[in-house]
Protein backbone atom coordinates (compact mmCIF):
# COMPACT_ATOMS: atom_id res chain seq x y z
CA UNK A 1 120.33 69.33 -6.86
CA UNK A 2 119.99 66.45 -4.28
CA UNK A 3 117.23 66.18 -1.92
CA UNK A 4 118.21 66.30 1.72
CA UNK A 5 117.88 62.84 3.24
CA UNK A 6 116.55 61.91 6.79
CA UNK A 7 119.11 59.88 8.88
CA UNK A 8 117.71 56.49 9.77
CA UNK A 9 117.22 56.29 13.73
CA UNK A 10 120.34 54.50 15.55
CA UNK A 11 119.96 52.10 18.22
CA UNK A 12 121.79 53.45 21.83
CA UNK A 13 125.66 53.16 21.61
CA UNK A 14 125.47 50.26 24.10
CA UNK A 15 123.78 47.98 21.74
CA UNK A 16 121.52 46.90 24.29
CA UNK A 17 117.71 47.89 24.80
CA UNK A 18 116.77 49.83 28.00
CA UNK A 19 116.46 47.25 30.68
CA UNK A 20 118.45 44.62 28.77
CA UNK A 21 121.11 44.62 31.45
CA UNK A 22 118.59 43.52 34.08
CA UNK A 23 117.57 40.82 31.66
CA UNK A 24 120.95 39.62 31.44
CA UNK A 25 121.42 39.46 35.54
CA UNK A 26 118.23 37.45 35.18
CA UNK A 27 119.76 35.12 32.93
CA UNK A 28 122.96 34.83 34.01
CA UNK A 29 122.82 34.70 37.58
CA UNK A 30 119.13 33.53 38.79
CA UNK A 31 118.48 31.54 36.04
CA UNK A 32 121.71 29.43 36.60
CA UNK A 33 120.93 28.97 40.04
CA UNK A 34 117.44 28.09 39.51
CA UNK A 35 117.80 25.31 36.36
CA UNK A 36 120.44 23.85 39.08
CA UNK A 37 117.75 23.97 41.41
CA UNK A 38 115.20 22.60 38.98
CA UNK A 39 117.49 19.63 38.18
CA UNK A 40 117.93 18.53 41.99
CA UNK A 41 114.09 18.46 42.47
CA UNK A 42 113.66 16.43 39.00
CA UNK A 43 116.39 13.84 40.47
CA UNK A 44 114.01 13.87 43.48
CA UNK A 45 111.00 13.71 41.87
CA UNK A 46 112.29 10.65 39.99
CA UNK A 47 112.68 8.73 42.98
CA UNK A 48 109.71 9.71 44.29
CA UNK A 49 107.68 8.68 41.44
CA UNK A 50 109.82 5.45 41.36
CA UNK A 51 108.64 4.62 45.24
CA UNK A 52 105.67 6.34 45.59
CA UNK A 53 103.90 6.55 41.92
CA UNK A 54 103.12 9.84 42.64
CA UNK A 55 104.86 13.40 41.61
CA UNK A 56 105.19 15.45 44.89
CA UNK A 57 103.33 18.42 44.36
CA UNK A 58 105.82 20.86 45.54
CA UNK A 59 108.43 19.59 43.39
CA UNK A 60 106.27 19.83 40.33
CA UNK A 61 105.12 23.55 41.13
CA UNK A 62 108.91 24.44 41.52
CA UNK A 63 110.03 22.79 38.38
CA UNK A 64 107.03 24.30 36.45
CA UNK A 65 107.54 27.89 38.22
CA UNK A 66 111.21 27.91 37.23
CA UNK A 67 110.52 26.71 33.33
CA UNK A 68 107.88 29.42 33.27
CA UNK A 69 109.88 32.20 34.88
CA UNK A 70 112.86 31.34 32.68
CA UNK A 71 110.67 31.45 29.56
CA UNK A 72 109.40 35.03 30.72
CA UNK A 73 113.20 36.01 31.06
CA UNK A 74 113.69 34.85 27.50
CA UNK A 75 111.16 36.35 25.73
CA UNK A 76 111.83 39.63 27.44
CA UNK A 77 115.58 39.65 27.21
CA UNK A 78 116.60 38.11 24.02
CA UNK A 79 113.31 37.30 21.79
CA UNK A 80 112.27 41.12 22.40
CA UNK A 81 108.49 39.83 22.12
CA UNK A 82 107.40 41.81 25.55
CA UNK A 83 108.44 45.06 26.95
CA UNK A 84 106.90 43.83 30.28
CA UNK A 85 110.12 43.46 32.75
CA UNK A 86 109.59 39.88 34.10
CA UNK A 87 108.78 39.55 37.71
CA UNK A 88 110.85 37.94 40.39
CA UNK A 89 108.58 35.23 41.04
CA UNK A 90 107.70 31.90 39.67
CA UNK A 91 103.76 31.79 39.99
CA UNK A 92 101.85 32.87 36.90
């Protein structure tokens, strides 16, 4: 006689872990807008550096914040390295 086998746990039917839809919204909506804004800031900063020799602090902090936020969203939604929902802010 064959012993009964337990069925392995199955992922949710949607294939997306709980909260994953929000990560996708973060990534597609806000990330696209923020990366375009960061790109414009980098171009403006390039001219500022060219003429003044200094990177404007506000532009620098914005670009670093967008990069930091994008990495948090990527880690949450796609790399699954954290369960903490990424905040809607650019500060650390």
